[in-house]
Amino acid sequence: MLQDGSVQLLCLTANSGVPLFTRGASKQLPFSVIGSLNGVHMFGGGQGVLLSSCETDHGGKVVWRVFHDSVILIAVKGQQRGGGRGRDSQEEEDLHLRRLLENVWSCMVLVLGQDELVNIRNVERLKRDLRSCFGLIDQLLEGRQEGIMGSLTHCADCLLPPNPALLQEALESFTQAADSEFGCLMVHGRIATATEKWWLLAPQEVVLLSALLRFLSMSGSASCDYPVFLPHGSPTVAHRLLRFQLLLGVDVCVLCGPTPSLHRAERELVGHFWSPLVETLRSCLAVGERCLPGSVSLRPDVLALIVINRETRRSVSCVQASANPPPSSESPLPSKARCWELLRLFFAFATARYFGQEETLCVSPEEKAQKGNTLHEEFANGFSHQPLQCYLVTEECKCYSLQTLQHQLFLLTPLSVPTFGLRSVATQTLSAIAGGSGF
């Protein structure tokens, strides 16, 4: 149906199968195929069977999900070059596609509200309204910004600033002056600091609000007043999201009620609270995509990493450019873009097979009943303990992951690092980040 691993997203009404939109791969599926994918799901439902996913012999994948008996989302991933893959790879892909569908539904709720989607009164009007979600949905499908992992990890992508206490104090004062308790400072599309109430939002809401702020920032506007619904906390009542660009790459936002007006907040509050901190904000920009302050020193044999704080559901990720390229006799290091791709793949591999990532998705009771025979559970039954570390050697790099009570670390190293030394590299790296930044 589709080629080279491209993903196409289909959205239809659950009762009548009327297509609402299609996003993703440049070559769209024929209407007859879309109808067949919906029809086989409806047929299974009529026979008391929940069809949640299937795969082809050549590596293609289809995942279905019905939301509130109103909307059905279908993700179709094309076959990879090289033919079929093992069941473990299918399990990792399942994780990615299921999270994609959940995130897309939550995006639709975030922008339109749950009532508009559950009680469909006019299909043609809903089609028009859904266009306002396309930019956000495309961002989830394409992963436009390297290093943004939240849609997969369901943890907030963070940047650790050099002066967190100063920024935290300014943000809390600014948020309080805007008659709110929900405030956030974004740098390079990542959260540099946020108020306590912002962190108390559901992890998926934090991830999607961050994605929305990145989308609004790319629009080029200096400020905006945008209505949003919180998919978990307030799916039927809208809040106002006020966003202000402080510097290019630095945005501050608050979730608030009817007051203050955008004009008043921009005129009276932004300059008052943030003008004295311009140099501090510039020092945050200087941290760049490394996302770690200068006080944290990484080993030169670390290519890329993700660190997740399991308690706060926050994550930091980076790719480290090598100052010493390998000799010509050794395998070349993967490119920066490839490192990000390998990092995502290794996260999905380790999560699907070993660690059983803390679930943050809204899974229906029917699907929960069907989830008792996953590869992770079958694989874990062979252990008398919960796996805490794993490694993987590929043709491009070596991967190592470890899990503690508070953290998860996913690490890529060059092939030149001895396999027996991976554990030492990982523990030193986690200690450097946790100790040097308090993350």
Protein backbone atom coordinates (compact mmCIF):
# COMPACT_ATOMS: atom_id res chain seq x y z
CA MET A 1 0.00 0.00 0.00
CA LEU A 2 2.68 2.50 1.09
CA GLN A 3 6.42 2.29 0.57
CA ASP A 4 9.63 2.95 2.51
CA GLY A 5 8.11 3.01 5.98
CA SER A 6 5.97 6.12 5.45
CA VAL A 7 2.99 6.58 7.77
CA GLN A 8 -0.48 7.68 6.72
CA LEU A 9 -3.14 8.70 9.21
CA LEU A 10 -6.84 8.23 8.45
CA CYS A 11 -9.68 9.74 10.46
CA LEU A 12 -13.29 8.61 9.93
CA THR A 13 -16.60 8.76 11.75
CA ALA A 14 -17.02 5.53 13.72
CA ASN A 15 -20.68 4.91 12.89
CA SER A 16 -20.86 5.72 9.18
CA GLY A 17 -17.23 5.54 8.10
CA VAL A 18 -17.29 9.01 6.51
CA PRO A 19 -13.67 10.19 5.97
CA LEU A 20 -12.88 13.34 7.98
CA PHE A 21 -9.25 13.82 6.95
CA THR A 22 -6.09 12.08 5.75
CA ARG A 23 -2.58 13.17 6.73
CA GLY A 24 0.88 11.80 6.24
CA ALA A 25 2.43 10.08 3.25
CA SER A 26 2.49 12.11 0.04
CA LYS A 27 0.82 9.30 -1.92
CA GLN A 28 -2.63 8.85 -0.40
CA LEU A 29 -4.33 5.51 -0.18
CA PRO A 30 -7.20 4.91 -2.63
CA PHE A 31 -10.70 5.42 -1.24
CA SER A 32 -11.45 1.71 -1.78
CA VAL A 33 -8.53 0.75 0.50
CA ILE A 34 -9.64 3.24 3.17
CA GLY A 35 -13.15 1.79 3.00
CA SER A 36 -11.79 -1.74 3.31
CA LEU A 37 -9.68 -0.86 6.36
CA ASN A 38 -12.71 0.63 8.05
CA GLY A 39 -14.99 -2.19 6.89
CA VAL A 40 -12.85 -5.00 8.28
CA HIS A 41 -12.75 -3.25 11.66
CA MET A 42 -16.53 -2.80 11.68
CA PHE A 43 -17.02 -6.45 10.65
CA GLY A 44 -14.84 -7.61 13.54
CA GLY A 45 -16.80 -5.42 15.96
CA GLY A 46 -20.05 -6.93 14.74
CA GLN A 47 -18.67 -10.39 15.53
CA GLY A 48 -17.53 -9.40 19.02
CA VAL A 49 -13.86 -9.17 18.01
CA LEU A 50 -11.68 -6.13 18.74
CA LEU A 51 -9.29 -5.64 15.80
CA SER A 52 -6.50 -3.41 17.09
CA SER A 53 -3.59 -4.10 14.72
CA CYS A 54 -2.27 -6.31 11.97
CA GLU A 55 0.89 -6.59 9.87
CA THR A 56 1.78 -7.78 6.39
CA ASP A 57 4.42 -10.31 5.36
CA HIS A 58 6.60 -7.47 4.05
CA GLY A 59 6.62 -5.35 7.18
CA GLY A 60 3.56 -3.13 6.65
CA LYS A 61 1.48 -2.30 9.72
CA VAL A 62 -2.09 -1.12 10.39
CA VAL A 63 -3.36 0.04 13.80
CA TRP A 64 -6.99 0.95 14.60
CA ARG A 65 -8.39 2.90 17.55
CA VAL A 66 -11.97 4.06 18.23
CA PHE A 67 -12.49 7.04 20.53
CA HIS A 68 -15.77 7.49 22.41
CA ASP A 69 -17.66 5.47 19.76
CA SER A 70 -17.49 8.60 17.62
CA VAL A 71 -14.20 8.82 15.73
CA ILE A 72 -11.94 6.07 14.42
CA LEU A 73 -8.27 6.73 13.74
CA ILE A 74 -6.25 4.36 11.57
CA ALA A 75 -2.46 4.49 11.21
CA VAL A 76 -1.01 2.73 8.16
CA LYS A 77 2.74 2.24 7.94
CA GLY A 78 4.20 1.13 4.64
CA GLN A 79 6.55 -1.78 4.17
CA GLN A 80 10.28 -1.28 4.69
CA ARG A 81 12.79 -2.03 2.00
CA GLY A 82 14.37 -5.37 2.67
CA GLY A 83 11.23 -7.32 3.45
CA GLY A 84 9.75 -8.52 6.71
CA ARG A 85 10.97 -8.05 10.24
CA GLY A 86 10.84 -10.00 13.46
CA ARG A 87 8.05 -9.86 15.98
CA ASP A 88 10.16 -7.73 18.31
CA SER A 89 10.39 -5.01 15.67
CA GLN A 90 6.63 -5.19 15.15
CA GLU A 91 6.11 -4.73 18.89
CA GLU A 92 8.26 -1.58 18.91
CA GLU A 93 6.36 -0.23 15.92
CA ASP A 94 3.10 -1.00 17.69
CA LEU A 95 4.19 1.19 20.59
CA HIS A 96 4.99 4.08 18.25
CA LEU A 97 1.76 3.88 16.24
CA ARG A 98 -0.50 3.46 19.27
CA ARG A 99 1.01 6.51 20.90
CA LEU A 100 0.62 8.38 17.63
CA LEU A 101 -3.12 7.67 17.53
CA GLU A 102 -3.58 8.65 21.17
CA ASN A 103 -1.63 11.86 20.64
CA VAL A 104 -3.59 12.74 17.50
CA TRP A 105 -6.91 12.28 19.30
CA SER A 106 -5.68 14.43 22.17
CA CYS A 107 -4.54 17.09 19.67
CA MET A 108 -8.05 17.19 18.26
CA VAL A 109 -9.50 17.56 21.77
CA LEU A 110 -6.90 20.20 22.64
CA VAL A 111 -7.94 22.41 19.71
CA LEU A 112 -11.67 21.67 19.28
CA GLY A 113 -12.85 20.27 22.61
CA GLN A 114 -14.31 16.84 23.27
CA ASP A 115 -17.95 17.80 22.78
CA GLU A 116 -17.39 18.74 19.12
CA LEU A 117 -15.83 15.35 18.46
CA VAL A 118 -18.13 13.12 20.49
CA ASN A 119 -21.43 14.75 19.48
CA ILE A 120 -20.98 15.25 15.75
CA ARG A 121 -23.86 17.40 14.49
CA ASN A 122 -22.56 18.44 11.09
CA VAL A 123 -19.88 16.34 9.40
CA GLU A 124 -18.95 18.97 6.79
CA ARG A 125 -18.48 21.62 9.46
CA LEU A 126 -16.34 19.24 11.53
CA LYS A 127 -14.16 18.61 8.48
CA ARG A 128 -13.53 22.35 8.16
CA ASP A 129 -12.87 22.77 11.88
CA LEU A 130 -10.38 19.90 11.91
CA ARG A 131 -8.12 21.79 9.50
CA SER A 132 -6.98 23.89 12.45
CA CYS A 133 -5.42 20.70 13.90
CA PHE A 134 -3.39 19.80 10.83
CA GLY A 135 -0.25 21.75 11.72
CA LEU A 136 -0.05 20.05 15.10
CA ILE A 137 -0.86 16.60 13.69
CA ASP A 138 1.76 16.98 10.95
CA GLN A 139 4.32 17.88 13.60
CA LEU A 140 3.57 14.58 15.36
CA LEU A 141 3.72 12.62 12.12
CA GLU A 142 6.89 14.14 10.74
CA GLY A 143 8.90 14.80 13.91
CA ARG A 144 10.16 18.04 12.35
CA GLN A 145 12.42 19.14 15.20
CA GLU A 146 15.36 16.88 16.00
CA GLY A 147 15.65 16.00 19.64
CA ILE A 148 11.95 16.40 20.46
CA MET A 149 11.02 12.98 21.84
CA GLY A 150 7.93 13.71 23.95
CA SER A 151 5.41 12.25 21.52
CA LEU A 152 7.17 8.87 21.91
CA THR A 153 8.27 9.00 25.55
CA HIS A 154 5.21 10.90 26.86
CA CYS A 155 7.65 12.91 28.97
CA ALA A 156 8.18 16.66 28.74
CA ASP A 157 11.22 17.60 26.62
CA CYS A 158 13.33 19.83 28.86
CA LEU A 159 16.36 22.07 28.68
CA LEU A 160 18.35 22.55 31.89
CA PRO A 161 19.22 26.27 32.20
CA PRO A 162 22.36 27.59 33.92
CA ASN A 163 20.37 29.85 36.32
CA PRO A 164 17.15 27.93 37.11
CA ALA A 165 16.33 29.69 40.40
CA LEU A 166 16.36 33.16 38.82
CA LEU A 167 14.12 32.06 35.96
CA GLN A 168 11.75 30.19 38.28
CA GLU A 169 11.25 33.25 40.45
CA ALA A 170 10.56 35.49 37.45
CA LEU A 171 8.13 32.98 35.92
CA GLU A 172 6.13 32.55 39.11
CA SER A 173 5.85 36.33 39.57
CA PHE A 174 4.83 36.81 35.93
CA THR A 175 2.26 33.98 36.12
CA GLN A 176 0.75 35.32 39.34
CA ALA A 177 0.48 38.82 37.83
CA ALA A 178 -1.43 37.25 34.92
CA ASP A 179 -4.04 35.83 37.35
CA SER A 180 -2.82 32.28 36.78
CA GLU A 181 -0.94 29.44 38.41
CA PHE A 182 0.01 27.73 35.15
CA GLY A 183 3.12 29.17 33.50
CA CYS A 184 5.94 27.84 31.35
CA LEU A 185 9.19 29.14 29.81
CA MET A 186 10.26 27.48 26.54
CA VAL A 187 13.77 27.63 25.06
CA HIS A 188 14.53 26.01 21.69
CA GLY A 189 11.13 24.30 21.87
CA ARG A 190 11.89 22.67 25.23
CA ILE A 191 10.73 23.54 28.74
CA ALA A 192 13.38 25.47 30.66
CA THR A 193 11.21 26.01 33.73
CA ALA A 194 7.53 25.85 34.69
CA THR A 195 5.31 26.51 37.68
CA GLU A 196 4.32 23.73 40.06
CA LYS A 197 0.75 23.64 38.73
CA TRP A 198 2.02 23.31 35.15
CA TRP A 199 3.92 20.17 36.15
CA LEU A 200 0.75 18.82 37.80
CA LEU A 201 -0.97 18.68 34.41
CA ALA A 202 -1.15 15.20 32.90
CA PRO A 203 2.18 14.30 31.22
CA GLN A 204 0.50 14.02 27.82
CA GLU A 205 -1.03 17.48 28.23
CA VAL A 206 2.40 18.96 28.97
CA VAL A 207 3.80 17.24 25.86
CA LEU A 208 0.98 18.45 23.60
CA LEU A 209 0.99 22.00 24.96
CA SER A 210 4.73 22.10 24.24
CA ALA A 211 4.05 20.90 20.70
CA LEU A 212 1.37 23.57 20.26
CA LEU A 213 3.74 26.27 21.52
CA ARG A 214 6.40 25.15 19.03
CA PHE A 215 3.81 25.34 16.25
CA LEU A 216 2.65 28.81 17.32
CA SER A 217 6.25 29.96 17.61
CA MET A 218 6.94 28.86 14.02
CA SER A 219 4.07 31.10 12.86
CA GLY A 220 6.34 34.10 13.42
CA SER A 221 3.93 36.06 15.62
CA ALA A 222 5.31 37.86 18.67
CA SER A 223 2.27 37.01 20.80
CA CYS A 224 -1.04 35.19 20.59
CA ASP A 225 -4.19 34.38 22.56
CA TYR A 226 -5.23 30.80 21.76
CA PRO A 227 -8.16 28.82 23.25
CA VAL A 228 -7.25 25.29 24.36
CA PHE A 229 -9.00 22.36 26.00
CA LEU A 230 -7.01 20.08 28.32
CA PRO A 231 -7.64 16.49 27.07
CA HIS A 232 -7.53 15.02 30.60
CA GLY A 233 -8.17 17.93 32.96
CA SER A 234 -10.71 20.03 31.05
CA PRO A 235 -11.83 18.42 27.77
CA THR A 236 -15.10 20.39 27.54
CA VAL A 237 -14.20 23.84 28.97
CA ALA A 238 -11.66 26.01 27.16
CA HIS A 239 -8.81 27.94 28.75
CA ARG A 240 -6.82 30.79 27.23
CA LEU A 241 -3.20 30.12 26.29
CA LEU A 242 -1.30 33.41 26.20
CA ARG A 243 2.10 33.14 24.49
CA PHE A 244 4.78 35.82 24.19
CA GLN A 245 8.09 35.71 22.34
CA LEU A 246 10.79 37.15 24.61
CA LEU A 247 13.72 36.48 22.26
CA LEU A 248 14.03 34.48 19.07
CA GLY A 249 13.85 30.92 20.40
CA VAL A 250 12.52 31.91 23.84
CA ASP A 251 8.78 31.95 24.61
CA VAL A 252 6.79 32.35 27.81
CA CYS A 253 3.16 31.29 28.19
CA VAL A 254 0.38 31.11 30.76
CA LEU A 255 -2.91 29.24 30.93
CA CYS A 256 -5.52 31.65 32.28
CA GLY A 257 -9.18 32.66 32.38
CA PRO A 258 -10.89 35.77 30.94
CA THR A 259 -8.26 38.15 32.33
CA PRO A 260 -5.84 39.67 31.56
CA SER A 261 -6.34 40.75 27.97
CA LEU A 262 -3.51 39.94 25.55
CA HIS A 263 -2.85 43.66 25.03
CA ARG A 264 -2.60 44.40 28.76
CA ALA A 265 -0.34 41.43 29.46
CA GLU A 266 1.94 42.35 26.57
CA ARG A 267 2.06 46.05 27.47
CA GLU A 268 2.29 45.89 31.27
CA LEU A 269 3.63 42.49 32.30
CA VAL A 270 6.08 41.10 29.76
CA GLY A 271 8.54 43.97 29.81
CA HIS A 272 8.27 44.49 33.56
CA PHE A 273 9.19 40.93 34.50
CA TRP A 274 11.44 39.80 31.65
CA SER A 275 13.43 42.84 30.47
CA PRO A 276 15.84 42.61 33.46
CA LEU A 277 16.57 38.99 32.55
CA VAL A 278 17.56 39.39 28.89
CA GLU A 279 21.16 38.28 29.49
CA THR A 280 19.99 35.32 31.56
CA LEU A 281 17.68 34.28 28.74
CA ARG A 282 20.55 34.59 26.27
CA SER A 283 22.62 32.27 28.45
CA CYS A 284 19.78 29.73 28.15
CA LEU A 285 19.87 30.03 24.36
CA ALA A 286 23.61 29.38 24.48
CA VAL A 287 22.94 25.96 26.02
CA GLY A 288 21.53 25.04 22.61
CA GLU A 289 20.42 21.57 21.59
CA ARG A 290 22.82 20.03 24.10
CA CYS A 291 20.10 20.86 26.67
CA LEU A 292 22.63 20.53 29.50
CA PRO A 293 24.41 23.37 31.33
CA GLY A 294 28.17 23.74 31.14
CA SER A 295 28.49 22.29 34.64
CA VAL A 296 27.61 18.87 33.20
CA SER A 297 30.56 17.23 31.43
CA LEU A 298 29.85 14.23 29.20
CA ARG A 299 32.38 11.60 28.24
CA PRO A 300 33.68 11.94 24.65
CA ASP A 301 32.55 8.38 23.86
CA VAL A 302 28.87 9.31 24.34
CA LEU A 303 27.19 9.83 20.96
CA ALA A 304 23.62 10.49 22.11
CA LEU A 305 21.39 10.02 25.13
CA ILE A 306 17.94 10.35 26.65
CA VAL A 307 17.57 10.71 30.41
CA ILE A 308 14.06 10.38 31.86
CA ASN A 309 13.12 11.37 35.38
CA ARG A 310 10.48 8.75 36.16
CA GLU A 311 9.03 10.68 39.10
CA THR A 312 8.43 13.99 37.31
CA ARG A 313 7.92 12.57 33.76
CA ARG A 314 10.53 14.95 32.33
CA SER A 315 13.30 14.09 29.88
CA VAL A 316 16.52 15.56 28.53
CA SER A 317 18.06 14.35 25.27
CA CYS A 318 21.07 15.37 23.22
CA VAL A 319 23.44 14.30 20.45
CA GLN A 320 27.08 15.08 21.12
CA ALA A 321 29.32 16.00 18.19
CA SER A 322 32.59 14.10 18.31
CA ALA A 323 35.71 16.27 18.49
CA ASN A 324 37.89 13.29 17.55
CA PRO A 325 36.63 11.48 14.43
CA PRO A 326 37.53 7.79 14.29
CA PRO A 327 40.54 6.64 12.24
CA SER A 328 39.79 5.67 8.65
CA SER A 329 40.23 2.02 9.60
CA GLU A 330 37.27 2.18 11.96
CA SER A 331 33.57 2.41 11.13
CA PRO A 332 32.42 6.00 10.52
CA LEU A 333 30.22 7.56 13.19
CA PRO A 334 26.51 7.96 12.36
CA SER A 335 25.40 11.46 11.41
CA LYS A 336 23.57 13.71 13.83
CA ALA A 337 20.20 13.00 12.16
CA ARG A 338 20.90 9.28 12.19
CA CYS A 339 21.83 9.41 15.90
CA TRP A 340 18.42 10.91 16.69
CA GLU A 341 16.76 8.17 14.65
CA LEU A 342 18.78 5.42 16.34
CA LEU A 343 17.99 6.89 19.75
CA ARG A 344 14.26 6.74 19.05
CA LEU A 345 14.55 3.18 17.76
CA PHE A 346 16.55 2.03 20.78
CA PHE A 347 14.09 3.67 23.18
CA ALA A 348 11.22 1.81 21.50
CA PHE A 349 13.21 -1.45 21.54
CA ALA A 350 14.14 -1.28 25.22
CA THR A 351 10.70 -0.07 26.29
CA ALA A 352 8.77 -2.67 24.31
CA ARG A 353 10.93 -5.62 25.39
CA TYR A 354 12.36 -4.86 28.81
CA PHE A 355 11.22 -1.87 30.78
CA GLY A 356 7.48 -1.63 30.13
CA GLN A 357 7.35 2.19 30.09
CA GLU A 358 4.96 3.68 32.66
CA GLU A 359 1.71 3.88 30.73
CA THR A 360 0.23 7.32 30.25
CA LEU A 361 -2.23 6.55 27.49
CA CYS A 362 -6.01 6.50 27.86
CA VAL A 363 -6.61 2.84 27.03
CA SER A 364 -10.15 1.59 26.73
CA PRO A 365 -11.30 -1.33 28.95
CA GLU A 366 -11.65 -3.51 25.85
CA GLU A 367 -8.05 -2.86 24.85
CA LYS A 368 -6.81 -3.44 28.39
CA ALA A 369 -8.45 -6.85 28.29
CA GLN A 370 -6.65 -7.59 25.03
CA LYS A 371 -3.20 -6.52 26.29
CA GLY A 372 -2.43 -9.57 28.38
CA ASN A 373 -0.35 -11.30 25.70
CA THR A 374 2.13 -8.67 24.57
CA LEU A 375 5.70 -9.50 23.65
CA HIS A 376 7.00 -7.60 26.69
CA GLU A 377 4.86 -9.68 29.05
CA GLU A 378 5.76 -12.95 27.34
CA PHE A 379 9.44 -12.04 27.35
CA ALA A 380 9.35 -10.84 30.98
CA ASN A 381 7.80 -14.12 32.11
CA GLY A 382 11.18 -15.72 31.49
CA PHE A 383 12.74 -13.57 34.21
CA SER A 384 12.45 -13.91 37.97
CA HIS A 385 13.14 -10.17 38.30
CA GLN A 386 12.46 -6.85 36.59
CA PRO A 387 15.22 -6.16 34.02
CA LEU A 388 17.17 -3.04 35.00
CA GLN A 389 19.78 -2.85 32.22
CA CYS A 390 20.10 -3.94 28.63
CA TYR A 391 22.45 -3.44 25.70
CA LEU A 392 22.35 -3.82 21.95
CA VAL A 393 25.22 -3.98 19.42
CA THR A 394 24.37 -2.88 15.89
CA GLU A 395 26.39 -2.27 12.73
CA GLU A 396 26.43 1.50 13.43
CA CYS A 397 26.83 1.90 17.20
CA LYS A 398 26.41 0.25 20.59
CA CYS A 399 23.38 0.99 22.77
CA TYR A 400 22.97 0.69 26.52
CA SER A 401 20.07 1.41 28.82
CA LEU A 402 19.69 1.31 32.57
CA GLN A 403 16.76 1.90 34.90
CA THR A 404 16.83 3.07 38.51
CA LEU A 405 14.00 3.97 40.86
CA GLN A 406 14.20 7.60 39.70
CA HIS A 407 15.74 7.56 36.22
CA GLN A 408 15.93 5.81 32.89
CA LEU A 409 18.96 6.33 30.64
CA PHE A 410 19.21 5.37 26.96
CA LEU A 411 22.71 5.78 25.55
CA LEU A 412 24.49 5.42 22.18
CA THR A 413 28.27 4.94 21.95
CA PRO A 414 30.71 4.31 19.06
CA LEU A 415 31.51 0.71 18.12
CA SER A 416 35.04 1.25 19.47
CA VAL A 417 33.76 1.25 23.08
CA PRO A 418 34.27 -2.26 24.53
CA THR A 419 30.99 -4.00 25.23
CA PHE A 420 32.09 -4.83 28.77
CA GLY A 421 32.66 -1.09 29.37
CA LEU A 422 29.16 0.06 28.38
CA ARG A 423 27.80 -0.25 31.90
CA SER A 424 30.57 1.94 33.28
CA VAL A 425 29.96 4.59 30.59
CA ALA A 426 26.24 4.61 31.35
CA THR A 427 26.53 4.83 35.14
CA GLN A 428 29.12 7.61 34.90
CA THR A 429 26.95 9.54 32.44
CA LEU A 430 23.82 9.29 34.63
CA SER A 431 25.81 10.29 37.69
CA ALA A 432 27.25 13.33 35.87
CA ILE A 433 23.82 14.55 34.76
CA ALA A 434 21.95 13.89 38.01
CA GLY A 435 24.77 15.24 40.15
CA GLY A 436 25.66 18.21 37.98
CA SER A 437 22.15 19.48 37.38
CA GLY A 438 19.93 17.91 40.04
CA PHE A 439 17.68 16.53 37.28
